[in-house]
Amino acid sequence: MAITLTERAAAEALRVMKEQNLTDAMVRVGVLGGGCSGFQYRFQFDNNYDPEKDHLYEQHGLKLVVDKKSELFLDGLTIDFYEGLDRRGFTFNNPNAVRTCGCGSSFQV
């Protein structure tokens, strides 16, 4: 699998989906142009899945959708969830990134 979702990240996504009553939603992960380093991560809830354009995975009870073009930049990506005194949110550890911004939401390959 190209992308790994930790149990902690899946649990948080499932918690939010339940809280917002998104019973049939999936998590869509992708790459968009922009950000201070060139590319930025897309992480959102989505109900759309196109088998010709997307790959569908299931990890820890959560459906994860990745468009095939983004998967080229995300091979080996690990998505985790961090909760500490300094910040709270999903984190992206991408071995393909040669440079990232300070906030961790954009990268360069």
C-alpha atoms as a PDB file:
ATOM      1  CA  MET A   1       0.000   0.000   0.000  1.00  0.00           C
ATOM      2  CA  ALA A   2       1.236   3.440  -0.872  1.00  0.00           C
ATOM      3  CA  ILE A   3      -0.265   5.226   2.147  1.00  0.00           C
ATOM      4  CA  THR A   4      -0.399   4.203   5.795  1.00  0.00           C
ATOM      5  CA  LEU A   5      -3.002   5.573   8.168  1.00  0.00           C
ATOM      6  CA  THR A   6      -2.183   5.052  11.830  1.00  0.00           C
ATOM      7  CA  GLU A   7      -4.796   3.719  14.227  1.00  0.00           C
ATOM      8  CA  ARG A   8      -4.756   7.071  16.045  1.00  0.00           C
ATOM      9  CA  ALA A   9      -5.439   8.992  12.806  1.00  0.00           C
ATOM     10  CA  ALA A  10      -8.219   6.602  11.794  1.00  0.00           C
ATOM     11  CA  ALA A  11      -9.827   6.854  15.235  1.00  0.00           C
ATOM     12  CA  GLU A  12      -9.828  10.655  15.082  1.00  0.00           C
ATOM     13  CA  ALA A  13     -11.250  10.720  11.548  1.00  0.00           C
ATOM     14  CA  LEU A  14     -13.976   8.237  12.537  1.00  0.00           C
ATOM     15  CA  ARG A  15     -14.758  10.329  15.626  1.00  0.00           C
ATOM     16  CA  VAL A  16     -15.207  13.478  13.529  1.00  0.00           C
ATOM     17  CA  MET A  17     -17.291  11.616  10.955  1.00  0.00           C
ATOM     18  CA  LYS A  18     -19.591  10.319  13.679  1.00  0.00           C
ATOM     19  CA  GLU A  19     -19.817  13.759  15.281  1.00  0.00           C
ATOM     20  CA  GLN A  20     -20.773  15.332  11.935  1.00  0.00           C
ATOM     21  CA  ASN A  21     -23.077  12.433  10.964  1.00  0.00           C
ATOM     22  CA  LEU A  22     -21.025  11.551   7.865  1.00  0.00           C
ATOM     23  CA  THR A  23     -22.037   7.897   7.869  1.00  0.00           C
ATOM     24  CA  ASP A  24     -21.165   7.099   4.234  1.00  0.00           C
ATOM     25  CA  ALA A  25     -18.147   9.382   3.870  1.00  0.00           C
ATOM     26  CA  MET A  26     -14.599   8.356   3.082  1.00  0.00           C
ATOM     27  CA  VAL A  27     -11.365  10.226   3.706  1.00  0.00           C
ATOM     28  CA  ARG A  28      -9.874  11.601   0.509  1.00  0.00           C
ATOM     29  CA  VAL A  29      -6.130  12.162   0.509  1.00  0.00           C
ATOM     30  CA  GLY A  30      -4.414  13.937  -2.342  1.00  0.00           C
ATOM     31  CA  VAL A  31      -1.971  16.553  -3.511  1.00  0.00           C
ATOM     32  CA  LEU A  32      -2.759  20.041  -4.766  1.00  0.00           C
ATOM     33  CA  GLY A  33      -0.426  22.565  -6.327  1.00  0.00           C
ATOM     34  CA  GLY A  34       0.372  25.492  -4.073  1.00  0.00           C
ATOM     35  CA  GLY A  35       1.535  26.170  -0.574  1.00  0.00           C
ATOM     36  CA  CYS A  36       4.854  27.687   0.334  1.00  0.00           C
ATOM     37  CA  SER A  37       6.840  24.628  -0.827  1.00  0.00           C
ATOM     38  CA  GLY A  38       5.077  23.778  -4.102  1.00  0.00           C
ATOM     39  CA  PHE A  39       2.521  21.108  -3.172  1.00  0.00           C
ATOM     40  CA  GLN A  40       0.043  20.866  -0.358  1.00  0.00           C
ATOM     41  CA  TYR A  41      -1.781  17.911   1.118  1.00  0.00           C
ATOM     42  CA  ARG A  42      -5.507  17.471   0.679  1.00  0.00           C
ATOM     43  CA  PHE A  43      -7.280  15.651   3.497  1.00  0.00           C
ATOM     44  CA  GLN A  44     -11.056  15.867   3.459  1.00  0.00           C
ATOM     45  CA  PHE A  45     -14.242  13.880   3.820  1.00  0.00           C
ATOM     46  CA  ASP A  46     -15.810  12.842   0.539  1.00  0.00           C
ATOM     47  CA  ASN A  47     -18.665  10.676  -0.733  1.00  0.00           C
ATOM     48  CA  ASN A  48     -17.351  10.354  -4.285  1.00  0.00           C
ATOM     49  CA  TYR A  49     -15.257   7.483  -5.559  1.00  0.00           C
ATOM     50  CA  ASP A  50     -14.410   6.855  -9.217  1.00  0.00           C
ATOM     51  CA  PRO A  51     -12.669   3.483  -9.730  1.00  0.00           C
ATOM     52  CA  GLU A  52     -11.107   4.751 -12.962  1.00  0.00           C
ATOM     53  CA  LYS A  53      -9.457   7.739 -11.250  1.00  0.00           C
ATOM     54  CA  ASP A  54      -9.134   6.632  -7.624  1.00  0.00           C
ATOM     55  CA  HIS A  55      -7.779   3.839  -5.487  1.00  0.00           C
ATOM     56  CA  LEU A  56      -9.885   2.803  -2.506  1.00  0.00           C
ATOM     57  CA  TYR A  57      -8.259   1.343   0.592  1.00  0.00           C
ATOM     58  CA  GLU A  58      -9.598   0.412   3.996  1.00  0.00           C
ATOM     59  CA  GLN A  59      -7.490   0.747   7.104  1.00  0.00           C
ATOM     60  CA  HIS A  60      -8.625   0.458  10.723  1.00  0.00           C
ATOM     61  CA  GLY A  61     -12.288   0.565   9.683  1.00  0.00           C
ATOM     62  CA  LEU A  62     -11.896   3.732   7.621  1.00  0.00           C
ATOM     63  CA  LYS A  63     -12.238   3.984   3.834  1.00  0.00           C
ATOM     64  CA  LEU A  64      -9.399   5.969   2.291  1.00  0.00           C
ATOM     65  CA  VAL A  65      -9.590   7.285  -1.282  1.00  0.00           C
ATOM     66  CA  VAL A  66      -6.524   8.481  -3.189  1.00  0.00           C
ATOM     67  CA  ASP A  67      -6.573   9.756  -6.739  1.00  0.00           C
ATOM     68  CA  LYS A  68      -4.076   7.931  -8.946  1.00  0.00           C
ATOM     69  CA  LYS A  69      -2.120  11.071  -9.878  1.00  0.00           C
ATOM     70  CA  SER A  70      -1.583  12.070  -6.254  1.00  0.00           C
ATOM     71  CA  GLU A  71      -0.453   8.589  -5.344  1.00  0.00           C
ATOM     72  CA  LEU A  72       2.746   9.174  -7.327  1.00  0.00           C
ATOM     73  CA  PHE A  73       3.742  11.886  -4.809  1.00  0.00           C
ATOM     74  CA  LEU A  74       2.438  10.052  -1.746  1.00  0.00           C
ATOM     75  CA  ASP A  75       4.052   6.626  -2.033  1.00  0.00           C
ATOM     76  CA  GLY A  76       5.173   5.698   1.476  1.00  0.00           C
ATOM     77  CA  LEU A  77       3.203   8.493   3.187  1.00  0.00           C
ATOM     78  CA  THR A  78       2.197   7.940   6.816  1.00  0.00           C
ATOM     79  CA  ILE A  79      -0.721   9.940   8.186  1.00  0.00           C
ATOM     80  CA  ASP A  80      -0.879  10.248  11.965  1.00  0.00           C
ATOM     81  CA  PHE A  81      -2.779  12.366  14.451  1.00  0.00           C
ATOM     82  CA  TYR A  82      -0.922  14.469  16.994  1.00  0.00           C
ATOM     83  CA  GLU A  83      -2.444  15.968  20.105  1.00  0.00           C
ATOM     84  CA  GLY A  84      -0.198  17.962  22.387  1.00  0.00           C
ATOM     85  CA  LEU A  85       0.031  21.233  24.253  1.00  0.00           C
ATOM     86  CA  ASP A  86       1.596  23.001  21.289  1.00  0.00           C
ATOM     87  CA  ARG A  87      -0.752  21.836  18.528  1.00  0.00           C
ATOM     88  CA  ARG A  88      -3.387  19.319  17.484  1.00  0.00           C
ATOM     89  CA  GLY A  89      -4.062  17.816  14.068  1.00  0.00           C
ATOM     90  CA  PHE A  90      -3.209  15.323  11.378  1.00  0.00           C
ATOM     91  CA  THR A  91       0.452  15.004  10.440  1.00  0.00           C
ATOM     92  CA  PHE A  92       1.976  13.831   7.172  1.00  0.00           C
ATOM     93  CA  ASN A  93       5.306  12.013   7.037  1.00  0.00           C
ATOM     94  CA  ASN A  94       6.217  11.809   3.362  1.00  0.00           C
ATOM     95  CA  PRO A  95       9.530  10.126   2.461  1.00  0.00           C
ATOM     96  CA  ASN A  96       9.330  11.678  -1.034  1.00  0.00           C
ATOM     97  CA  ALA A  97       9.434  15.243   0.273  1.00  0.00           C
ATOM     98  CA  VAL A  98      12.833  16.853  -0.143  1.00  0.00           C
ATOM     99  CA  ARG A  99      11.681  20.023   1.601  1.00  0.00           C
ATOM    100  CA  THR A 100       8.685  20.928   3.745  1.00  0.00           C
ATOM    101  CA  CYS A 101       7.346  24.155   5.140  1.00  0.00           C
ATOM    102  CA  GLY A 102       7.386  25.009   8.836  1.00  0.00           C
ATOM    103  CA  CYS A 103       3.704  24.191   9.361  1.00  0.00           C
ATOM    104  CA  GLY A 104       4.012  20.781   7.654  1.00  0.00           C
ATOM    105  CA  SER A 105       1.108  21.299   5.266  1.00  0.00           C
ATOM    106  CA  SER A 106       3.130  21.747   2.090  1.00  0.00           C
ATOM    107  CA  PHE A 107       6.131  20.008   0.542  1.00  0.00           C
ATOM    108  CA  GLN A 108       8.457  19.830  -2.433  1.00  0.00           C
ATOM    109  CA  VAL A 109       9.530  16.683  -4.289  1.00  0.00           C
END
